[in-house]
PDB file of N, CA and C in Angstrom:
ATOM      1  N   MET A   1       4.359  79.416  78.854  1.00  0.00           N
ATOM      2  CA  MET A   1       5.009  80.233  79.872  1.00  0.00           C
ATOM      3  C   MET A   1       4.180  80.161  81.161  1.00  0.00           C
ATOM      4  N   THR A   2       4.847  80.190  82.278  1.00  0.00           N
ATOM      5  CA  THR A   2       4.191  80.100  83.577  1.00  0.00           C
ATOM      6  C   THR A   2       3.348  81.345  83.819  1.00  0.00           C
ATOM      7  N   LYS A   3       2.129  81.137  84.299  1.00  0.00           N
ATOM      8  CA  LYS A   3       1.214  82.247  84.574  1.00  0.00           C
ATOM      9  C   LYS A   3       0.860  82.247  86.050  1.00  0.00           C
ATOM     10  N   ASN A   4       0.352  83.384  86.509  1.00  0.00           N
ATOM     11  CA  ASN A   4      -0.190  83.512  87.857  1.00  0.00           C
ATOM     12  C   ASN A   4       0.765  83.039  88.944  1.00  0.00           C
ATOM     13  N   LEU A   5       1.918  83.626  89.001  1.00  0.00           N
ATOM     14  CA  LEU A   5       2.861  83.298  90.066  1.00  0.00           C
ATOM     15  C   LEU A   5       2.350  83.842  91.387  1.00  0.00           C
ATOM     16  N   GLY A   6       2.601  83.106  92.448  1.00  0.00           N
ATOM     17  CA  GLY A   6       2.277  83.601  93.775  1.00  0.00           C
ATOM     18  C   GLY A   6       3.313  84.635  94.198  1.00  0.00           C
ATOM     19  N   LEU A   7       3.027  85.334  95.269  1.00  0.00           N
ATOM     20  CA  LEU A   7       3.940  86.359  95.759  1.00  0.00           C
ATOM     21  C   LEU A   7       5.314  85.770  96.069  1.00  0.00           C
ATOM     22  N   HIS A   8       5.341  84.643  96.747  1.00  0.00           N
ATOM     23  CA  HIS A   8       6.608  84.006  97.107  1.00  0.00           C
ATOM     24  C   HIS A   8       7.399  83.627  95.849  1.00  0.00           C
ATOM     25  N   GLU A   9       6.703  83.083  94.851  1.00  0.00           N
ATOM     26  CA  GLU A   9       7.364  82.702  93.603  1.00  0.00           C
ATOM     27  C   GLU A   9       7.904  83.924  92.865  1.00  0.00           C
ATOM     28  N   THR A  10       7.158  85.003  92.873  1.00  0.00           N
ATOM     29  CA  THR A  10       7.602  86.239  92.231  1.00  0.00           C
ATOM     30  C   THR A  10       8.852  86.786  92.905  1.00  0.00           C
ATOM     31  N   LEU A  11       8.845  86.783  94.226  1.00  0.00           N
ATOM     32  CA  LEU A  11      10.017  87.261  94.962  1.00  0.00           C
ATOM     33  C   LEU A  11      11.233  86.382  94.702  1.00  0.00           C
ATOM     34  N   GLU A  12      11.033  85.076  94.659  1.00  0.00           N
ATOM     35  CA  GLU A  12      12.133  84.151  94.363  1.00  0.00           C
ATOM     36  C   GLU A  12      12.681  84.400  92.959  1.00  0.00           C
ATOM     37  N   ALA A  13      11.796  84.600  92.001  1.00  0.00           N
ATOM     38  CA  ALA A  13      12.227  84.855  90.623  1.00  0.00           C
ATOM     39  C   ALA A  13      13.030  86.145  90.539  1.00  0.00           C
ATOM     40  N   HIS A  14      12.607  87.186  91.266  1.00  0.00           N
ATOM     41  CA  HIS A  14      13.358  88.435  91.292  1.00  0.00           C
ATOM     42  C   HIS A  14      14.731  88.230  91.923  1.00  0.00           C
ATOM     43  N   GLU A  15      14.783  87.429  92.974  1.00  0.00           N
ATOM     44  CA  GLU A  15      16.058  87.149  93.634  1.00  0.00           C
ATOM     45  C   GLU A  15      17.010  86.405  92.694  1.00  0.00           C
ATOM     46  N   ILE A  16      16.486  85.429  91.981  1.00  0.00           N
ATOM     47  CA  ILE A  16      17.314  84.687  91.024  1.00  0.00           C
ATOM     48  C   ILE A  16      17.765  85.597  89.891  1.00  0.00           C
ATOM     49  N   LEU A  17      16.871  86.459  89.417  1.00  0.00           N
ATOM     50  CA  LEU A  17      17.213  87.409  88.359  1.00  0.00           C
ATOM     51  C   LEU A  17      18.341  88.330  88.798  1.00  0.00           C
ATOM     52  N   THR A  18      18.276  88.825  90.017  1.00  0.00           N
ATOM     53  CA  THR A  18      19.337  89.683  90.552  1.00  0.00           C
ATOM     54  C   THR A  18      20.655  88.925  90.626  1.00  0.00           C
ATOM     55  N   PHE A  19      20.604  87.682  91.113  1.00  0.00           N
ATOM     56  CA  PHE A  19      21.803  86.860  91.225  1.00  0.00           C
ATOM     57  C   PHE A  19      22.403  86.582  89.847  1.00  0.00           C
ATOM     58  N   LYS A  20      21.562  86.222  88.878  1.00  0.00           N
ATOM     59  CA  LYS A  20      22.036  85.943  87.520  1.00  0.00           C
ATOM     60  C   LYS A  20      22.668  87.186  86.890  1.00  0.00           C
ATOM     61  N   SER A  21      22.094  88.348  87.137  1.00  0.00           N
ATOM     62  CA  SER A  21      22.656  89.599  86.616  1.00  0.00           C
ATOM     63  C   SER A  21      24.028  89.870  87.209  1.00  0.00           C
ATOM     64  N   LEU A  22      24.165  89.628  88.500  1.00  0.00           N
ATOM     65  CA  LEU A  22      25.457  89.802  89.156  1.00  0.00           C
ATOM     66  C   LEU A  22      26.491  88.834  88.589  1.00  0.00           C
ATOM     67  N   CYS A  23      26.090  87.584  88.387  1.00  0.00           N
ATOM     68  CA  CYS A  23      26.998  86.587  87.814  1.00  0.00           C
ATOM     69  C   CYS A  23      27.431  86.975  86.402  1.00  0.00           C
ATOM     70  N   LEU A  24      26.496  87.482  85.616  1.00  0.00           N
ATOM     71  CA  LEU A  24      26.812  87.897  84.253  1.00  0.00           C
ATOM     72  C   LEU A  24      27.810  89.051  84.258  1.00  0.00           C
ATOM     73  N   THR A  25      27.615  90.004  85.142  1.00  0.00           N
ATOM     74  CA  THR A  25      28.545  91.131  85.259  1.00  0.00           C
ATOM     75  C   THR A  25      29.936  90.648  85.652  1.00  0.00           C
ATOM     76  N   LYS A  26      29.987  89.740  86.604  1.00  0.00           N
ATOM     77  CA  LYS A  26      31.275  89.230  87.070  1.00  0.00           C
ATOM     78  C   LYS A  26      31.978  88.423  85.977  1.00  0.00           C
ATOM     79  N   SER A  27      31.256  87.564  85.281  1.00  0.00           N
ATOM     80  CA  SER A  27      31.852  86.782  84.192  1.00  0.00           C
ATOM     81  C   SER A  27      32.362  87.687  83.085  1.00  0.00           C
ATOM     82  N   SER A  28      31.589  88.703  82.774  1.00  0.00           N
ATOM     83  CA  SER A  28      31.985  89.651  81.737  1.00  0.00           C
ATOM     84  C   SER A  28      33.264  90.388  82.118  1.00  0.00           C
ATOM     85  N   THR A  29      33.325  90.838  83.347  1.00  0.00           N
ATOM     86  CA  THR A  29      34.506  91.554  83.829  1.00  0.00           C
ATOM     87  C   THR A  29      35.724  90.640  83.843  1.00  0.00           C
ATOM     88  N   MET A  30      35.550  89.444  84.358  1.00  0.00           N
ATOM     89  CA  MET A  30      36.677  88.512  84.476  1.00  0.00           C
ATOM     90  C   MET A  30      37.157  88.012  83.117  1.00  0.00           C
ATOM     91  N   SER A  31      36.250  87.873  82.151  1.00  0.00           N
ATOM     92  CA  SER A  31      36.653  87.339  80.844  1.00  0.00           C
ATOM     93  C   SER A  31      37.667  88.241  80.149  1.00  0.00           C
ATOM     94  N   SER A  32      37.610  89.516  80.437  1.00  0.00           N
ATOM     95  CA  SER A  32      38.578  90.427  79.816  1.00  0.00           C
ATOM     96  C   SER A  32      39.915  90.434  80.564  1.00  0.00           C
ATOM     97  N   LEU A  33      39.944  89.845  81.755  1.00  0.00           N
ATOM     98  CA  LEU A  33      41.164  89.836  82.557  1.00  0.00           C
ATOM     99  C   LEU A  33      41.945  88.530  82.492  1.00  0.00           C
ATOM    100  N   VAL A  34      41.253  87.415  82.200  1.00  0.00           N
ATOM    101  CA  VAL A  34      41.936  86.121  82.201  1.00  0.00           C
ATOM    102  C   VAL A  34      42.772  85.953  80.949  1.00  0.00           C
ATOM    103  N   GLN A  35      43.842  85.210  81.089  1.00  0.00           N
ATOM    104  CA  GLN A  35      44.713  84.959  79.951  1.00  0.00           C
ATOM    105  C   GLN A  35      44.633  83.518  79.467  1.00  0.00           C
ATOM    106  N   ASP A  36      44.132  82.636  80.306  1.00  0.00           N
ATOM    107  CA  ASP A  36      43.995  81.233  79.942  1.00  0.00           C
ATOM    108  C   ASP A  36      42.815  81.070  78.985  1.00  0.00           C
ATOM    109  N   THR A  37      43.066  80.503  77.827  1.00  0.00           N
ATOM    110  CA  THR A  37      42.045  80.363  76.791  1.00  0.00           C
ATOM    111  C   THR A  37      40.885  79.486  77.248  1.00  0.00           C
ATOM    112  N   GLU A  38      41.179  78.396  77.919  1.00  0.00           N
ATOM    113  CA  GLU A  38      40.123  77.495  78.369  1.00  0.00           C
ATOM    114  C   GLU A  38      39.209  78.182  79.383  1.00  0.00           C
ATOM    115  N   LEU A  39      39.803  78.902  80.311  1.00  0.00           N
ATOM    116  CA  LEU A  39      39.010  79.623  81.298  1.00  0.00           C
ATOM    117  C   LEU A  39      38.183  80.725  80.635  1.00  0.00           C
ATOM    118  N   GLN A  40      38.769  81.397  79.673  1.00  0.00           N
ATOM    119  CA  GLN A  40      38.033  82.443  78.962  1.00  0.00           C
ATOM    120  C   GLN A  40      36.841  81.843  78.210  1.00  0.00           C
ATOM    121  N   ASN A  41      37.024  80.666  77.612  1.00  0.00           N
ATOM    122  CA  ASN A  41      35.915  79.999  76.920  1.00  0.00           C
ATOM    123  C   ASN A  41      34.809  79.602  77.890  1.00  0.00           C
ATOM    124  N   ILE A  42      35.185  79.149  79.075  1.00  0.00           N
ATOM    125  CA  ILE A  42      34.198  78.801  80.099  1.00  0.00           C
ATOM    126  C   ILE A  42      33.398  80.039  80.491  1.00  0.00           C
ATOM    127  N   LEU A  43      34.084  81.155  80.684  1.00  0.00           N
ATOM    128  CA  LEU A  43      33.399  82.395  81.060  1.00  0.00           C
ATOM    129  C   LEU A  43      32.471  82.872  79.948  1.00  0.00           C
ATOM    130  N   LEU A  44      32.903  82.761  78.704  1.00  0.00           N
ATOM    131  CA  LEU A  44      32.055  83.177  77.578  1.00  0.00           C
ATOM    132  C   LEU A  44      30.816  82.291  77.469  1.00  0.00           C
ATOM    133  N   LYS A  45      30.994  80.992  77.687  1.00  0.00           N
ATOM    134  CA  LYS A  45      29.854  80.073  77.671  1.00  0.00           C
ATOM    135  C   LYS A  45      28.891  80.422  78.806  1.00  0.00           C
ATOM    136  N   ASP A  46      29.435  80.735  79.976  1.00  0.00           N
ATOM    137  CA  ASP A  46      28.605  81.129  81.111  1.00  0.00           C
ATOM    138  C   ASP A  46      27.852  82.418  80.813  1.00  0.00           C
ATOM    139  N   MET A  47      28.483  83.350  80.118  1.00  0.00           N
ATOM    140  CA  MET A  47      27.828  84.608  79.765  1.00  0.00           C
ATOM    141  C   MET A  47      26.651  84.372  78.819  1.00  0.00           C
ATOM    142  N   ARG A  48      26.836  83.503  77.843  1.00  0.00           N
ATOM    143  CA  ARG A  48      25.743  83.192  76.902  1.00  0.00           C
ATOM    144  C   ARG A  48      24.576  82.539  77.643  1.00  0.00           C
ATOM    145  N   ALA A  49      24.884  81.566  78.490  1.00  0.00           N
ATOM    146  CA  ALA A  49      23.829  80.877  79.245  1.00  0.00           C
ATOM    147  C   ALA A  49      23.143  81.844  80.215  1.00  0.00           C
ATOM    148  N   GLY A  50      23.921  82.687  80.879  1.00  0.00           N
ATOM    149  CA  GLY A  50      23.366  83.651  81.821  1.00  0.00           C
ATOM    150  C   GLY A  50      22.453  84.650  81.139  1.00  0.00           C
ATOM    151  N   THR A  51      22.836  85.093  79.967  1.00  0.00           N
ATOM    152  CA  THR A  51      22.012  86.031  79.203  1.00  0.00           C
ATOM    153  C   THR A  51      20.675  85.392  78.846  1.00  0.00           C
ATOM    154  N   GLN A  52      20.721  84.138  78.421  1.00  0.00           N
ATOM    155  CA  GLN A  52      19.488  83.422  78.076  1.00  0.00           C
ATOM    156  C   GLN A  52      18.607  83.248  79.313  1.00  0.00           C
ATOM    157  N   ASP A  53      19.223  82.889  80.438  1.00  0.00           N
ATOM    158  CA  ASP A  53      18.462  82.711  81.685  1.00  0.00           C
ATOM    159  C   ASP A  53      17.797  84.015  82.121  1.00  0.00           C
ATOM    160  N   ILE A  54      18.515  85.114  81.997  1.00  0.00           N
ATOM    161  CA  ILE A  54      17.970  86.426  82.377  1.00  0.00           C
ATOM    162  C   ILE A  54      16.779  86.773  81.497  1.00  0.00           C
ATOM    163  N   GLN A  55      16.904  86.537  80.200  1.00  0.00           N
ATOM    164  CA  GLN A  55      15.796  86.825  79.289  1.00  0.00           C
ATOM    165  C   GLN A  55      14.567  85.982  79.630  1.00  0.00           C
ATOM    166  N   THR A  56      14.782  84.720  79.948  1.00  0.00           N
ATOM    167  CA  THR A  56      13.678  83.835  80.306  1.00  0.00           C
ATOM    168  C   THR A  56      12.993  84.302  81.582  1.00  0.00           C
ATOM    169  N   LEU A  57      13.785  84.630  82.594  1.00  0.00           N
ATOM    170  CA  LEU A  57      13.213  85.117  83.850  1.00  0.00           C
ATOM    171  C   LEU A  57      12.441  86.415  83.649  1.00  0.00           C
ATOM    172  N   GLN A  58      12.970  87.319  82.832  1.00  0.00           N
ATOM    173  CA  GLN A  58      12.274  88.573  82.560  1.00  0.00           C
ATOM    174  C   GLN A  58      10.939  88.316  81.870  1.00  0.00           C
ATOM    175  N   GLU A  59      10.914  87.371  80.932  1.00  0.00           N
ATOM    176  CA  GLU A  59       9.667  87.030  80.254  1.00  0.00           C
ATOM    177  C   GLU A  59       8.655  86.466  81.240  1.00  0.00           C
ATOM    178  N   ILE A  60       9.107  85.585  82.112  1.00  0.00           N
ATOM    179  CA  ILE A  60       8.216  84.998  83.113  1.00  0.00           C
ATOM    180  C   ILE A  60       7.629  86.091  83.995  1.00  0.00           C
ATOM    181  N   LEU A  61       8.465  86.995  84.448  1.00  0.00           N
ATOM    182  CA  LEU A  61       7.995  88.058  85.347  1.00  0.00           C
ATOM    183  C   LEU A  61       7.075  89.050  84.641  1.00  0.00           C
ATOM    184  N   MET A  62       7.336  89.318  83.380  1.00  0.00           N
ATOM    185  CA  MET A  62       6.483  90.257  82.650  1.00  0.00           C
ATOM    186  C   MET A  62       5.124  89.654  82.321  1.00  0.00           C
ATOM    187  N   ASN A  63       5.056  88.342  82.145  1.00  0.00           N
ATOM    188  CA  ASN A  63       3.816  87.675  81.726  1.00  0.00           C
ATOM    189  C   ASN A  63       3.092  86.988  82.872  1.00  0.00           C
ATOM    190  N   ARG A  64       3.482  87.242  84.101  1.00  0.00           N
ATOM    191  CA  ARG A  64       2.968  86.469  85.235  1.00  0.00           C
ATOM    192  C   ARG A  64       1.487  86.667  85.531  1.00  0.00           C
ATOM    193  N   GLY A  65       0.916  87.764  85.114  1.00  0.00           N
ATOM    194  CA  GLY A  65      -0.482  87.990  85.446  1.00  0.00           C
ATOM    195  C   GLY A  65      -1.440  87.821  84.287  1.00  0.00           C
ATOM    196  N   GLU A  66      -0.912  87.451  83.127  1.00  0.00           N
ATOM    197  CA  GLU A  66      -1.759  87.337  81.930  1.00  0.00           C
ATOM    198  C   GLU A  66      -2.349  85.949  81.811  1.00  0.00           C
ATOM    199  N   ARG A  67      -3.468  85.873  81.155  1.00  0.00           N
ATOM    200  CA  ARG A  67      -4.104  84.571  80.875  1.00  0.00           C
ATOM    201  C   ARG A  67      -4.180  84.352  79.392  1.00  0.00           C
TER     202      ARG A  67
END
């Protein structure tokens, strides 16, 4: 896991985390509204990937100062 992030890197990671959270919320909301099966599958796949990305970013941010 990446250690000792600089201030700029930490801020960028927080920005990406915020963006990924927003995308996950939007995909989740839209998946319950769409009727097309293929589109719904795309949204569900995006939700799984987004959840994994969020967890990874959170781990990076929580462990950034440890050695």
